[in-house]
Amino acid sequence: MNINCEYKIREDIGFIIEAEGINKLELSESTGISRSTLDSIEKKGVATNEVCEKLYSYIYEKNIDLIQLKKNL
């Protein structure tokens, strides 16, 4: 099942990359989400449940506070 999470996941990928000082390839390797999938999400804003779970698990494990991060950036 695909989830249209355009309102959030597109910007969250950018925020994570900027906050962690990494690039998409490094994010891909850390999350297990292919780089082409990350590119597609940024273009279309659509991701599967599995991809959303991987991305937000990464955020949780890294203790990234997206709300505060968005305020600061």
N, C-alpha and C. Protein backbone atom coordinates (compact mmCIF):
# COMPACT_ATOMS: atom_id res chain seq x y z
N MET A 1 0.84 -1.18 0.00
CA MET A 1 0.00 0.00 0.00
C MET A 1 0.88 1.24 0.00
N ASN A 2 0.60 2.17 -0.87
CA ASN A 2 1.32 3.44 -0.92
C ASN A 2 0.58 4.49 -0.11
N ILE A 3 1.32 5.30 0.56
CA ILE A 3 0.75 6.36 1.37
C ILE A 3 1.21 7.69 0.79
N ASN A 4 0.27 8.59 0.57
CA ASN A 4 0.63 9.91 0.09
C ASN A 4 0.94 10.77 1.31
N CYS A 5 2.22 10.86 1.61
CA CYS A 5 2.64 11.65 2.77
C CYS A 5 3.46 12.85 2.30
N GLU A 6 3.04 13.39 1.18
CA GLU A 6 3.75 14.50 0.53
C GLU A 6 3.94 15.67 1.50
N TYR A 7 2.93 15.92 2.31
CA TYR A 7 2.97 17.09 3.18
C TYR A 7 4.12 17.03 4.17
N LYS A 8 4.66 15.84 4.41
CA LYS A 8 5.63 15.71 5.47
C LYS A 8 6.92 15.02 5.06
N ILE A 9 6.83 13.89 4.43
CA ILE A 9 8.02 13.07 4.21
C ILE A 9 9.03 13.75 3.29
N ARG A 10 8.55 14.50 2.31
CA ARG A 10 9.47 15.22 1.42
C ARG A 10 10.38 16.14 2.21
N GLU A 11 9.79 16.95 3.04
CA GLU A 11 10.59 17.91 3.79
C GLU A 11 11.40 17.22 4.89
N ASP A 12 10.86 16.16 5.46
CA ASP A 12 11.58 15.46 6.52
C ASP A 12 12.89 14.86 6.00
N ILE A 13 12.89 14.35 4.78
CA ILE A 13 14.13 13.82 4.20
C ILE A 13 15.17 14.93 4.12
N GLY A 14 14.77 16.08 3.63
CA GLY A 14 15.69 17.22 3.55
C GLY A 14 16.20 17.67 4.90
N PHE A 15 15.32 17.72 5.88
CA PHE A 15 15.71 18.13 7.23
C PHE A 15 16.71 17.15 7.82
N ILE A 16 16.47 15.86 7.63
CA ILE A 16 17.38 14.84 8.17
C ILE A 16 18.77 14.98 7.55
N ILE A 17 18.78 15.12 6.24
CA ILE A 17 20.06 15.25 5.53
C ILE A 17 20.83 16.47 6.02
N GLU A 18 20.14 17.57 6.16
CA GLU A 18 20.80 18.79 6.62
C GLU A 18 21.25 18.67 8.07
N ALA A 19 20.39 18.17 8.93
CA ALA A 19 20.71 18.09 10.36
C ALA A 19 21.84 17.13 10.64
N GLU A 20 21.86 16.02 9.92
CA GLU A 20 22.88 15.00 10.15
C GLU A 20 24.17 15.30 9.38
N GLY A 21 24.11 16.25 8.47
CA GLY A 21 25.28 16.58 7.67
C GLY A 21 25.69 15.43 6.76
N ILE A 22 24.68 14.75 6.22
CA ILE A 22 24.92 13.60 5.36
C ILE A 22 24.32 13.86 3.98
N ASN A 23 24.57 12.96 3.05
CA ASN A 23 23.95 13.07 1.73
C ASN A 23 22.93 11.94 1.57
N LYS A 24 22.24 11.92 0.44
CA LYS A 24 21.20 10.93 0.22
C LYS A 24 21.74 9.51 0.21
N LEU A 25 22.93 9.33 -0.30
CA LEU A 25 23.52 7.99 -0.33
C LEU A 25 23.74 7.48 1.09
N GLU A 26 24.26 8.34 1.95
CA GLU A 26 24.48 7.95 3.35
C GLU A 26 23.16 7.68 4.06
N LEU A 27 22.15 8.49 3.79
CA LEU A 27 20.83 8.25 4.38
C LEU A 27 20.28 6.92 3.88
N SER A 28 20.47 6.66 2.61
CA SER A 28 20.01 5.40 2.02
C SER A 28 20.66 4.21 2.72
N GLU A 29 21.96 4.28 2.90
CA GLU A 29 22.69 3.19 3.54
C GLU A 29 22.28 3.03 5.00
N SER A 30 22.01 4.11 5.68
CA SER A 30 21.65 4.07 7.10
C SER A 30 20.22 3.56 7.33
N THR A 31 19.34 3.84 6.38
CA THR A 31 17.93 3.47 6.56
C THR A 31 17.53 2.19 5.85
N GLY A 32 18.33 1.79 4.86
CA GLY A 32 17.94 0.64 4.05
C GLY A 32 16.93 1.00 2.97
N ILE A 33 16.78 2.30 2.71
CA ILE A 33 15.89 2.79 1.65
C ILE A 33 16.78 3.14 0.46
N SER A 34 16.47 2.61 -0.70
CA SER A 34 17.33 2.87 -1.86
C SER A 34 17.35 4.36 -2.20
N ARG A 35 18.45 4.76 -2.79
CA ARG A 35 18.58 6.17 -3.19
C ARG A 35 17.51 6.54 -4.21
N SER A 36 17.21 5.63 -5.13
CA SER A 36 16.19 5.92 -6.13
C SER A 36 14.81 6.08 -5.48
N THR A 37 14.57 5.33 -4.41
CA THR A 37 13.31 5.49 -3.68
C THR A 37 13.26 6.85 -2.99
N LEU A 38 14.36 7.26 -2.39
CA LEU A 38 14.41 8.59 -1.76
C LEU A 38 14.18 9.68 -2.80
N ASP A 39 14.80 9.53 -3.97
CA ASP A 39 14.60 10.51 -5.05
C ASP A 39 13.13 10.56 -5.47
N SER A 40 12.52 9.39 -5.60
CA SER A 40 11.11 9.31 -6.00
C SER A 40 10.20 9.96 -4.96
N ILE A 41 10.49 9.73 -3.70
CA ILE A 41 9.68 10.33 -2.63
C ILE A 41 9.78 11.85 -2.70
N GLU A 42 10.99 12.36 -2.92
CA GLU A 42 11.16 13.80 -3.00
C GLU A 42 10.42 14.39 -4.20
N LYS A 43 10.30 13.64 -5.27
CA LYS A 43 9.59 14.13 -6.45
C LYS A 43 8.08 13.97 -6.32
N LYS A 44 7.65 12.80 -5.85
CA LYS A 44 6.22 12.47 -5.85
C LYS A 44 5.56 12.60 -4.49
N GLY A 45 6.34 12.48 -3.42
CA GLY A 45 5.77 12.56 -2.08
C GLY A 45 4.97 11.34 -1.67
N VAL A 46 5.23 10.21 -2.33
CA VAL A 46 4.48 8.99 -2.03
C VAL A 46 5.46 7.92 -1.58
N ALA A 47 5.12 7.24 -0.49
CA ALA A 47 5.98 6.19 0.04
C ALA A 47 5.12 5.03 0.57
N THR A 48 5.71 3.86 0.59
CA THR A 48 5.02 2.71 1.16
C THR A 48 5.08 2.78 2.68
N ASN A 49 4.25 1.98 3.33
CA ASN A 49 4.30 1.89 4.79
C ASN A 49 5.69 1.49 5.25
N GLU A 50 6.29 0.54 4.54
CA GLU A 50 7.61 0.03 4.91
C GLU A 50 8.66 1.14 4.87
N VAL A 51 8.62 1.96 3.84
CA VAL A 51 9.58 3.05 3.71
C VAL A 51 9.36 4.09 4.81
N CYS A 52 8.12 4.44 5.07
CA CYS A 52 7.83 5.39 6.15
C CYS A 52 8.34 4.85 7.48
N GLU A 53 8.11 3.56 7.70
CA GLU A 53 8.56 2.94 8.95
C GLU A 53 10.08 2.99 9.07
N LYS A 54 10.78 2.71 7.98
CA LYS A 54 12.25 2.75 8.01
C LYS A 54 12.76 4.15 8.28
N LEU A 55 12.18 5.13 7.61
CA LEU A 55 12.65 6.50 7.77
C LEU A 55 12.38 7.02 9.18
N TYR A 56 11.18 6.81 9.67
CA TYR A 56 10.85 7.34 10.99
C TYR A 56 11.47 6.52 12.11
N SER A 57 11.81 5.26 11.86
CA SER A 57 12.59 4.48 12.83
C SER A 57 14.00 5.05 12.94
N TYR A 58 14.56 5.43 11.81
CA TYR A 58 15.88 6.06 11.79
C TYR A 58 15.85 7.35 12.61
N ILE A 59 14.83 8.16 12.40
CA ILE A 59 14.69 9.42 13.14
C ILE A 59 14.62 9.14 14.64
N TYR A 60 13.84 8.14 15.01
CA TYR A 60 13.68 7.78 16.42
C TYR A 60 15.01 7.29 17.01
N GLU A 61 15.67 6.38 16.29
CA GLU A 61 16.93 5.81 16.77
C GLU A 61 18.02 6.86 16.92
N LYS A 62 18.03 7.84 16.04
CA LYS A 62 19.02 8.92 16.10
C LYS A 62 18.60 10.03 17.05
N ASN A 63 17.41 9.89 17.61
CA ASN A 63 16.88 10.87 18.55
C ASN A 63 16.81 12.27 17.92
N ILE A 64 16.33 12.31 16.69
CA ILE A 64 16.20 13.58 15.98
C ILE A 64 14.85 14.19 16.33
N ASP A 65 14.86 15.40 16.82
CA ASP A 65 13.63 16.11 17.17
C ASP A 65 13.23 16.97 15.96
N LEU A 66 12.37 16.39 15.11
CA LEU A 66 11.99 17.07 13.87
C LEU A 66 11.30 18.40 14.11
N ILE A 67 10.49 18.47 15.13
CA ILE A 67 9.76 19.71 15.40
C ILE A 67 10.75 20.83 15.73
N GLN A 68 11.69 20.54 16.62
CA GLN A 68 12.69 21.55 16.97
C GLN A 68 13.59 21.86 15.80
N LEU A 69 13.94 20.83 15.07
CA LEU A 69 14.80 20.99 13.89
C LEU A 69 14.15 21.92 12.87
N LYS A 70 12.87 21.73 12.63
CA LYS A 70 12.16 22.58 11.66
C LYS A 70 12.10 24.03 12.13
N LYS A 71 11.99 24.23 13.42
CA LYS A 71 11.99 25.59 13.95
C LYS A 71 13.34 26.27 13.75
N ASN A 72 14.41 25.49 13.92
CA ASN A 72 15.77 26.03 13.84
C ASN A 72 16.26 26.23 12.42
N LEU A 73 15.74 25.45 11.50
CA LEU A 73 16.21 25.57 10.11
C LEU A 73 15.28 26.50 9.41
